[in-house]
Protein backbone atom coordinates (compact mmCIF):
# COMPACT_ATOMS: atom_id res chain seq x y z
CA MET A 1 -258.77 -108.67 -129.13
CA SER A 2 -256.99 -105.92 -131.02
CA ARG A 3 -254.05 -104.15 -129.47
CA LYS A 4 -254.22 -100.56 -128.33
CA GLU A 5 -251.53 -98.23 -129.66
CA LEU A 6 -249.35 -96.90 -126.87
CA ASN A 7 -247.52 -93.57 -126.70
CA ILE A 8 -245.00 -93.77 -123.88
CA GLY A 9 -243.54 -91.06 -121.69
CA LEU A 10 -240.38 -92.46 -120.08
CA TYR A 11 -238.85 -91.14 -116.86
CA GLY A 12 -235.22 -92.15 -116.43
CA PHE A 13 -232.67 -93.32 -118.97
CA GLY A 14 -230.16 -95.32 -116.96
CA CYS A 15 -229.30 -98.97 -117.57
CA VAL A 16 -232.92 -100.17 -117.52
CA GLY A 17 -234.28 -97.17 -119.45
CA PHE A 18 -231.78 -97.66 -122.24
CA GLY A 19 -232.39 -101.43 -122.10
CA LEU A 20 -236.11 -100.80 -122.62
CA TYR A 21 -235.37 -98.42 -125.51
CA GLU A 22 -233.24 -101.11 -127.18
CA VAL A 23 -235.81 -103.85 -126.61
CA LEU A 24 -238.65 -101.73 -128.01
CA GLN A 25 -236.68 -101.18 -131.22
CA LYS A 26 -236.71 -104.97 -131.69
CA THR A 27 -240.45 -105.48 -131.03
CA PRO A 28 -242.25 -103.44 -133.70
CA GLY A 29 -245.38 -105.62 -133.43
CA LEU A 30 -246.09 -104.15 -130.02
CA LYS A 31 -247.25 -100.80 -131.43
CA ALA A 32 -245.56 -98.95 -128.58
CA ASN A 33 -243.64 -95.76 -129.23
CA ILE A 34 -241.52 -93.75 -126.80
CA LYS A 35 -242.72 -90.21 -127.49
CA ASN A 36 -240.66 -88.39 -124.88
CA ILE A 37 -237.99 -89.16 -122.26
CA CYS A 38 -237.54 -87.08 -119.11
CA VAL A 39 -234.12 -87.00 -117.44
CA LYS A 40 -232.53 -84.81 -114.76
CA ASP A 41 -228.95 -84.17 -115.87
CA ARG A 42 -228.61 -82.00 -118.98
CA ASN A 43 -224.87 -82.55 -119.24
CA LYS A 44 -224.71 -86.35 -119.01
CA SER A 45 -223.54 -88.13 -122.15
CA ARG A 46 -226.23 -90.49 -123.49
CA GLU A 47 -226.52 -93.21 -126.13
CA ILE A 48 -229.09 -91.29 -128.20
CA GLY A 49 -229.43 -87.66 -129.28
CA ILE A 50 -230.51 -84.84 -126.96
CA GLU A 51 -233.54 -84.15 -129.16
CA ASN A 52 -235.15 -87.26 -127.62
CA PHE A 53 -235.14 -85.77 -124.11
CA THR A 54 -236.94 -83.25 -121.94
CA PHE A 55 -235.85 -81.93 -118.56
CA ASP A 56 -239.30 -80.88 -117.39
CA LYS A 57 -241.46 -83.69 -115.92
CA ASN A 58 -244.63 -81.78 -116.84
CA ASP A 59 -243.89 -82.07 -120.56
CA ILE A 60 -244.91 -85.71 -120.27
CA LEU A 61 -247.66 -85.32 -117.67
CA ASN A 62 -249.41 -82.60 -119.68
CA ASP A 63 -249.11 -84.32 -123.06
CA ASP A 64 -252.57 -85.73 -123.87
CA GLU A 65 -251.14 -87.96 -126.61
CA ILE A 66 -249.07 -89.88 -124.04
CA ASN A 67 -251.27 -92.63 -122.59
CA VAL A 68 -248.60 -94.65 -120.74
CA VAL A 69 -245.99 -93.42 -118.28
CA VAL A 70 -243.00 -95.68 -117.59
CA GLU A 71 -241.15 -94.69 -114.40
CA LEU A 72 -237.56 -95.96 -114.10
CA ILE A 73 -235.83 -93.54 -111.72
CA ASP A 74 -234.04 -94.45 -108.49
CA ASP A 75 -235.51 -91.73 -106.25
CA ALA A 76 -238.55 -93.26 -104.50
CA ASP A 77 -240.02 -89.92 -103.38
CA ALA A 78 -239.73 -88.33 -106.83
CA ALA A 79 -241.08 -91.54 -108.38
CA PHE A 80 -244.22 -91.42 -106.22
CA GLU A 81 -244.79 -87.79 -107.18
CA ILE A 82 -244.58 -88.70 -110.88
CA VAL A 83 -246.63 -91.90 -110.65
CA SER A 84 -249.43 -90.38 -108.57
CA ALA A 85 -249.63 -87.35 -110.89
CA ALA A 86 -249.77 -89.62 -113.96
CA LEU A 87 -252.57 -91.75 -112.47
CA LYS A 88 -254.56 -88.60 -111.65
CA LYS A 89 -254.14 -87.55 -115.29
CA GLY A 90 -255.69 -90.85 -116.38
CA LYS A 91 -252.46 -92.30 -117.76
CA ALA A 92 -251.59 -95.98 -117.29
CA VAL A 93 -248.31 -96.45 -115.43
CA VAL A 94 -245.52 -99.02 -115.41
CA SER A 95 -242.95 -98.81 -112.61
CA ALA A 96 -239.94 -100.81 -111.45
CA ASN A 97 -239.53 -98.91 -108.17
CA LYS A 98 -240.15 -101.46 -105.42
CA LYS A 99 -239.32 -99.02 -102.59
CA MET A 100 -241.86 -96.48 -103.85
CA ILE A 101 -244.56 -99.12 -104.34
CA ALA A 102 -243.94 -100.71 -100.93
CA GLU A 103 -244.01 -97.39 -99.09
CA HIS A 104 -247.18 -96.15 -100.83
CA PHE A 105 -249.04 -99.38 -101.62
CA THR A 106 -252.40 -98.38 -100.10
CA GLU A 107 -252.33 -94.91 -101.68
CA LEU A 108 -251.49 -96.35 -105.09
CA LEU A 109 -254.30 -98.89 -104.77
CA GLU A 110 -256.76 -96.08 -104.00
CA LEU A 111 -255.52 -93.94 -106.91
CA GLN A 112 -256.01 -96.82 -109.36
CA GLU A 113 -259.58 -97.28 -108.19
CA LYS A 114 -260.45 -93.57 -108.03
CA TYR A 115 -259.15 -92.73 -111.51
CA ASN A 116 -259.94 -96.13 -113.08
CA VAL A 117 -256.45 -96.55 -114.51
CA PRO A 118 -253.91 -99.41 -114.17
CA LEU A 119 -250.51 -99.47 -112.49
CA LEU A 120 -248.30 -102.47 -113.34
CA TYR A 121 -244.98 -103.26 -111.66
CA GLU A 122 -243.78 -106.75 -112.59
CA ALA A 123 -240.21 -105.44 -112.85
CA ALA A 124 -240.30 -104.39 -109.19
CA CYS A 125 -240.09 -108.03 -108.09
CA CYS A 126 -237.49 -110.47 -109.41
CA ALA A 127 -236.90 -108.71 -112.77
CA SER A 128 -237.33 -111.34 -115.50
CA ILE A 129 -239.51 -113.75 -113.44
CA PRO A 130 -243.25 -113.13 -114.05
CA ILE A 131 -244.09 -113.82 -110.41
CA ILE A 132 -246.68 -111.11 -109.73
CA ARG A 133 -248.89 -112.00 -112.67
CA ASN A 134 -248.68 -115.68 -111.77
CA LEU A 135 -249.72 -114.94 -108.19
CA GLU A 136 -252.58 -112.80 -109.53
CA GLU A 137 -253.82 -115.19 -112.21
CA TYR A 138 -252.64 -118.75 -111.63
CA TYR A 139 -252.99 -118.84 -107.85
CA ASP A 140 -256.22 -116.89 -107.54
CA ASN A 141 -258.19 -120.01 -106.56
CA ASP A 142 -255.50 -122.39 -105.27
CA LEU A 143 -254.76 -121.98 -101.56
CA LEU A 144 -251.24 -120.65 -101.13
CA GLU A 145 -249.46 -121.92 -98.04
CA SER A 146 -246.09 -120.20 -98.49
CA ILE A 147 -243.76 -118.28 -100.74
CA GLU A 148 -240.00 -118.32 -100.29
CA GLY A 149 -237.20 -117.09 -102.44
CA ILE A 150 -234.04 -115.28 -103.37
CA VAL A 151 -235.44 -111.98 -104.62
CA ASN A 152 -232.35 -109.74 -104.65
CA GLY A 153 -229.78 -110.31 -107.40
CA SER A 154 -227.07 -108.06 -105.92
CA THR A 155 -226.74 -109.93 -102.63
CA ASN A 156 -226.95 -113.27 -104.41
CA TYR A 157 -224.08 -112.22 -106.67
CA ILE A 158 -221.99 -111.18 -103.64
CA LEU A 159 -222.68 -114.44 -101.78
CA THR A 160 -221.99 -116.51 -104.90
CA LYS A 161 -218.59 -114.87 -105.38
CA THR A 162 -217.83 -115.32 -101.69
CA PHE A 163 -218.42 -119.08 -101.89
CA ALA A 164 -217.39 -119.88 -105.47
CA GLU A 165 -214.21 -117.80 -105.62
CA ASN A 166 -213.43 -117.34 -101.90
CA LEU A 167 -213.56 -113.58 -102.33
CA SER A 168 -213.90 -111.43 -99.25
CA TYR A 169 -217.22 -109.66 -98.71
CA ASP A 170 -215.63 -106.30 -99.63
CA GLU A 171 -214.09 -107.69 -102.83
CA ALA A 172 -217.35 -109.30 -103.92
CA LEU A 173 -219.30 -106.11 -103.15
CA LYS A 174 -216.89 -104.03 -105.24
CA GLN A 175 -217.31 -106.45 -108.16
CA ALA A 176 -221.09 -106.12 -107.87
CA GLN A 177 -220.79 -102.32 -107.88
CA ASP A 178 -218.41 -102.33 -110.86
CA LYS A 179 -220.87 -104.46 -112.85
CA GLY A 180 -223.80 -102.19 -111.95
CA PHE A 181 -225.59 -104.80 -109.81
CA ALA A 182 -225.14 -102.82 -106.57
CA GLU A 183 -225.35 -99.08 -105.91
CA SER A 184 -222.45 -96.96 -104.65
CA ASN A 185 -224.34 -96.95 -101.32
CA PRO A 186 -225.40 -100.60 -101.31
CA ILE A 187 -227.22 -100.80 -97.95
CA LEU A 188 -230.64 -100.99 -99.66
CA ASP A 189 -229.52 -104.37 -101.06
CA THR A 190 -227.02 -105.65 -98.49
CA GLY A 191 -229.17 -104.64 -95.51
CA GLY A 192 -232.09 -106.71 -96.80
CA PHE A 193 -234.35 -103.70 -97.40
CA ASP A 194 -234.78 -104.26 -101.14
CA ALA A 195 -235.80 -107.87 -100.45
CA LYS A 196 -238.24 -106.63 -97.78
CA TYR A 197 -239.92 -104.20 -100.20
CA LYS A 198 -240.34 -107.00 -102.72
CA LEU A 199 -241.71 -109.36 -100.08
CA LEU A 200 -244.27 -106.71 -99.10
CA ILE A 201 -245.49 -106.53 -102.72
CA LEU A 202 -245.58 -110.33 -103.01
CA LEU A 203 -247.56 -110.56 -99.75
CA ALA A 204 -250.32 -108.40 -101.22
CA HIS A 205 -250.61 -110.51 -104.37
CA SER A 206 -250.19 -113.92 -102.72
CA PHE A 207 -252.11 -113.60 -99.46
CA GLY A 208 -253.98 -110.30 -99.86
CA TYR A 209 -252.16 -108.80 -96.88
CA VAL A 210 -251.08 -105.17 -97.24
CA ALA A 211 -248.17 -104.47 -94.90
CA LYS A 212 -246.06 -101.41 -94.21
CA PRO A 213 -242.26 -101.76 -94.55
CA ALA A 214 -241.84 -101.37 -90.78
CA ASP A 215 -244.09 -104.43 -90.25
CA ILE A 216 -241.65 -106.83 -91.94
CA PHE A 217 -238.46 -107.86 -90.15
CA ASN A 218 -235.27 -107.94 -92.19
CA ILE A 219 -231.66 -108.93 -91.64
CA GLY A 220 -229.24 -108.44 -94.54
CA ILE A 221 -225.91 -109.99 -95.45
CA ASP A 222 -223.75 -107.06 -94.28
CA GLY A 223 -223.28 -108.60 -90.82
CA ILE A 224 -222.15 -112.07 -91.95
CA GLY A 225 -218.69 -112.94 -90.57
CA GLU A 226 -215.95 -115.46 -91.24
CA LEU A 227 -217.27 -117.87 -88.62
CA GLU A 228 -220.58 -118.33 -90.45
CA LEU A 229 -218.84 -118.71 -93.81
CA LYS A 230 -216.48 -121.33 -92.37
CA TYR A 231 -219.42 -123.19 -90.79
CA ALA A 232 -221.22 -123.27 -94.15
CA ARG A 233 -218.18 -124.52 -96.07
CA GLU A 234 -217.44 -127.27 -93.54
CA LYS A 235 -220.99 -128.59 -93.78
CA GLY A 236 -221.36 -128.24 -97.56
CA LEU A 237 -223.92 -125.44 -97.29
CA LYS A 238 -224.35 -122.08 -98.98
CA ILE A 239 -225.75 -118.90 -97.49
CA LYS A 240 -228.56 -117.16 -99.37
CA LEU A 241 -230.58 -114.08 -98.46
CA VAL A 242 -234.11 -115.50 -98.37
CA ALA A 243 -237.45 -113.69 -98.15
CA GLN A 244 -240.35 -115.82 -97.00
CA ALA A 245 -243.97 -115.68 -95.94
CA PHE A 246 -246.18 -118.53 -94.78
CA LYS A 247 -249.43 -119.28 -93.01
CA GLY A 248 -248.94 -120.71 -89.53
CA THR A 249 -251.05 -123.29 -87.72
CA ASP A 250 -253.14 -120.42 -86.29
CA GLY A 251 -254.00 -119.31 -89.85
CA ASN A 252 -252.08 -116.06 -89.57
CA LEU A 253 -249.04 -114.96 -91.55
CA SER A 254 -245.37 -114.82 -90.69
CA ALA A 255 -243.03 -112.90 -92.99
CA PHE A 256 -239.37 -111.94 -92.79
CA VAL A 257 -236.06 -111.62 -94.65
CA ILE A 258 -233.13 -113.49 -93.08
CA PRO A 259 -229.93 -115.05 -94.48
CA LYS A 260 -230.37 -118.82 -94.63
CA PHE A 261 -228.15 -121.89 -94.88
CA VAL A 262 -229.26 -123.95 -97.87
CA SER A 263 -228.19 -127.52 -98.57
CA THR A 264 -227.74 -129.33 -101.88
CA GLU A 265 -231.29 -130.72 -101.53
CA ASP A 266 -232.76 -127.21 -101.48
CA ARG A 267 -233.86 -125.86 -104.87
CA LEU A 268 -232.40 -122.48 -103.98
CA TYR A 269 -228.91 -124.04 -103.62
CA ASN A 270 -228.11 -123.72 -107.33
CA VAL A 271 -229.67 -120.27 -107.77
CA ASP A 272 -226.41 -118.35 -108.09
CA ASP A 273 -224.97 -115.15 -109.51
CA VAL A 274 -227.67 -112.50 -110.21
CA PHE A 275 -230.41 -115.10 -110.60
CA ASN A 276 -233.53 -115.08 -108.45
CA GLY A 277 -235.61 -118.09 -107.47
CA VAL A 278 -239.07 -118.26 -105.88
CA LEU A 279 -240.84 -121.31 -104.43
CA ALA A 280 -244.63 -121.22 -104.14
CA LYS A 281 -246.31 -123.97 -102.09
CA THR A 282 -250.03 -124.53 -102.47
CA SER A 283 -252.64 -126.85 -101.02
CA PHE A 284 -253.41 -128.52 -104.37
CA ALA A 285 -250.37 -128.18 -106.64
CA ASP A 286 -247.71 -128.64 -103.93
CA THR A 287 -244.47 -126.75 -104.71
CA GLN A 288 -243.64 -124.86 -107.89
CA PHE A 289 -240.33 -123.19 -108.65
CA PHE A 290 -239.66 -120.03 -110.65
CA VAL A 291 -236.14 -119.01 -111.61
CA GLY A 292 -234.67 -116.27 -113.79
CA LYS A 293 -232.27 -113.33 -113.87
CA GLY A 294 -233.04 -110.88 -111.08
CA ALA A 295 -230.79 -107.98 -112.02
CA GLY A 296 -229.35 -106.27 -115.07
CA ALA A 297 -230.63 -103.94 -117.75
CA HIS A 298 -232.20 -106.38 -120.20
CA PRO A 299 -233.84 -108.78 -117.66
CA THR A 300 -235.50 -105.82 -115.92
CA ALA A 301 -236.39 -104.19 -119.23
CA SER A 302 -238.02 -107.46 -120.34
CA ALA A 303 -240.37 -107.29 -117.35
CA VAL A 304 -241.17 -103.65 -118.11
CA LEU A 305 -241.83 -104.63 -121.71
CA SER A 306 -244.16 -107.41 -120.55
CA ASP A 307 -246.19 -104.86 -118.58
CA ILE A 308 -246.33 -102.51 -121.58
CA SER A 309 -247.53 -105.39 -123.74
CA ALA A 310 -250.19 -106.26 -121.16
CA LEU A 311 -251.40 -102.64 -121.16
CA SER A 312 -251.88 -102.82 -124.93
CA TYR A 313 -254.62 -105.39 -124.13
CA ASN A 314 -256.02 -103.24 -121.29
CA TYR A 315 -254.74 -105.60 -118.59
CA ARG A 316 -254.81 -104.52 -114.95
CA TYR A 317 -254.25 -106.20 -111.60
CA GLU A 318 -257.54 -107.22 -110.03
CA TYR A 319 -256.03 -107.61 -106.54
CA LYS A 320 -258.20 -110.68 -106.05
CA LYS A 321 -256.68 -111.80 -102.77
CA ILE A 322 -257.04 -108.32 -101.23
CA ARG A 323 -260.70 -108.20 -102.22
CA GLN A 324 -261.33 -111.60 -100.62
CA GLN A 325 -260.66 -109.91 -97.25
CA GLU A 326 -259.47 -112.88 -95.22
CA ASN A 327 -258.57 -110.53 -92.32
CA LEU A 328 -255.17 -112.14 -91.82
CA LEU A 329 -252.80 -110.89 -89.13
CA LEU A 330 -249.00 -110.73 -89.27
CA SER A 331 -247.80 -112.90 -86.40
CA ASP A 332 -244.47 -113.30 -84.57
CA ASP A 333 -245.66 -116.58 -83.05
CA VAL A 334 -243.18 -118.86 -84.78
CA ASN A 335 -240.00 -120.72 -83.79
CA LEU A 336 -236.85 -120.75 -85.89
CA LYS A 337 -233.82 -123.01 -85.91
CA VAL A 338 -230.83 -120.69 -86.32
CA LEU A 339 -227.12 -120.20 -85.89
CA LEU A 340 -226.31 -117.19 -83.71
CA ARG A 341 -222.74 -115.89 -83.82
CA HIS A 342 -221.88 -113.83 -80.73
CA LYS A 343 -219.09 -112.40 -78.60
CA LYS A 344 -217.58 -114.87 -76.13
CA GLU A 345 -218.87 -112.97 -73.08
CA ASP A 346 -222.48 -113.08 -74.34
CA SER A 347 -222.64 -116.86 -74.61
CA GLU A 348 -224.50 -117.68 -71.40
CA THR A 349 -226.90 -114.74 -71.74
CA PHE A 350 -227.93 -115.74 -75.26
CA LYS A 351 -228.25 -119.44 -74.39
CA GLN A 352 -231.11 -118.49 -72.08
CA GLN A 353 -233.03 -117.09 -75.07
CA PHE A 354 -233.08 -120.48 -76.84
CA SER A 355 -235.78 -123.06 -76.11
CA ALA A 356 -233.53 -125.87 -77.38
CA ILE A 357 -229.78 -125.90 -78.08
CA GLU A 358 -228.15 -128.39 -80.46
CA GLU A 359 -224.60 -127.07 -80.49
CA ALA A 360 -222.62 -124.36 -78.67
CA TYR A 361 -219.02 -123.35 -79.25
CA THR A 362 -216.75 -120.52 -78.10
CA ASN A 363 -213.10 -119.66 -78.58
CA ASN A 364 -211.12 -116.77 -77.09
CA GLU A 365 -213.15 -114.14 -78.93
CA VAL A 366 -216.39 -115.41 -80.49
CA GLY A 367 -218.78 -118.30 -80.36
CA TYR A 368 -221.94 -119.64 -81.89
CA ILE A 369 -225.13 -121.36 -80.81
CA THR A 370 -227.35 -123.50 -83.01
CA GLY A 371 -230.82 -124.32 -81.84
CA THR A 372 -234.44 -123.21 -81.62
CA ILE A 373 -235.38 -119.66 -80.72
CA SER A 374 -238.69 -117.83 -80.81
CA PHE A 375 -239.03 -115.15 -83.46
CA LYS A 376 -239.75 -112.64 -80.66
CA ASN A 377 -236.45 -113.43 -78.89
CA LEU A 378 -234.55 -113.28 -82.18
CA ARG A 379 -235.97 -109.83 -82.88
CA THR A 380 -234.99 -108.61 -79.41
CA ILE A 381 -231.39 -109.82 -79.75
CA GLN A 382 -231.10 -108.33 -83.25
CA SER A 383 -232.54 -104.96 -82.16
CA GLU A 384 -229.52 -104.48 -79.88
CA ASN A 385 -227.00 -105.58 -82.52
CA THR A 386 -224.02 -103.23 -82.91
CA GLY A 387 -222.21 -105.53 -85.34
CA ASP A 388 -221.10 -108.10 -82.77
CA ARG A 389 -223.64 -110.82 -83.65
CA SER A 390 -225.43 -112.33 -86.63
CA PHE A 391 -228.24 -114.78 -87.31
CA ILE A 392 -228.34 -117.36 -90.09
CA LEU A 393 -231.57 -119.34 -90.46
CA LEU A 394 -231.40 -123.13 -90.62
CA HIS A 395 -235.15 -123.62 -91.03
CA VAL A 396 -238.56 -122.74 -89.65
CA VAL A 397 -239.67 -125.15 -86.92
CA THR A 398 -243.04 -126.58 -87.98
CA GLY A 399 -245.20 -129.67 -87.70
CA GLN A 400 -243.79 -132.78 -86.09
CA GLU A 401 -240.48 -131.14 -85.13
CA ALA A 402 -242.34 -128.48 -83.13
CA ILE A 403 -244.43 -131.15 -81.37
CA ILE A 404 -241.30 -133.15 -80.42
CA GLU A 405 -239.49 -130.06 -79.08
CA GLU A 406 -242.53 -129.05 -77.01
CA ALA A 407 -242.69 -132.58 -75.56
CA VAL A 408 -238.99 -132.50 -74.64
CA LEU A 409 -239.39 -129.13 -72.94
CA ALA A 410 -242.33 -130.47 -70.93
CA LEU A 411 -240.25 -133.32 -69.47
């Protein structure tokens, strides 16, 4: 199959935009040319001459020679306006904006179908890891049971520095900001929202379930305290922000983002710094592990480049799992083994929310409980959190462990 020649209109020229520009200069065989670049700030100093830029978004949208729009801006609302307009103009689109895609997934799906034009967004999930295309192509017939992973490089960097160098949370966050891994307002990353948006996209491609951001529960790393860090160090564990989705015994889905203790036996244990790691468990192939850089200009640009290359062969997502229409539901009917850190005076109240308690400790100010709690009770406790409590997941209670705990409760 011969390659189609691509004329690209690029929106945004930050770290990733410039990274893509550099990478394209080194891949002449791709037959992809950046014809115009749209940016917002006329006065900002840039690595290439001003003659390469426009400040009017319509210069790209109305240019019939441009057949691919690459959107790399950080404003989700403006990004949706650009992407939807480009699709309506019949232009193929590549985007790295996970928030925009998550918030408008159904609309973007309809636009692709109505105007018969592809939208690719590999860079929106896990940067350099080709996870979306693998879920689309490799797992289209194998029965996926679960996906689990570290999908946010910024929080992983912060947690790595906290454990490896004993930095405080604030010191590690500042380092991440100075290196460009975290924004000046980092709550999108540290609050677990970025990971939630990515999980929403992965849900659609792995299980065919299209969720809204409000449907998926998320806890970030911004509430982790010294007690949890000390607990992890004493037991030889690390804390990772983990996004996961799995089919329960009732056949429905559970999905959430929660910080998790990981042991040396866990494959995610050695996924450090800005790396991401994703585990996919299937009925036939068991567990497979993907790992790669999840943040930074060149890793993200490499994923954008991969999408551009795919477009040169007229590739598009077929959304196979969505079209299979399994009619799955998102369920809260799951039990989790967790550590809950709480104020001393809340100890007895919170103990009543656990179905089984393994360990409980309090000092003059704070305490913790480890044990099994229903996802519904966890959500209730977290909804009233004013910064005085935090949850760290130990593991999901499944199979034989669940049967044993139910038997003990029945005695």
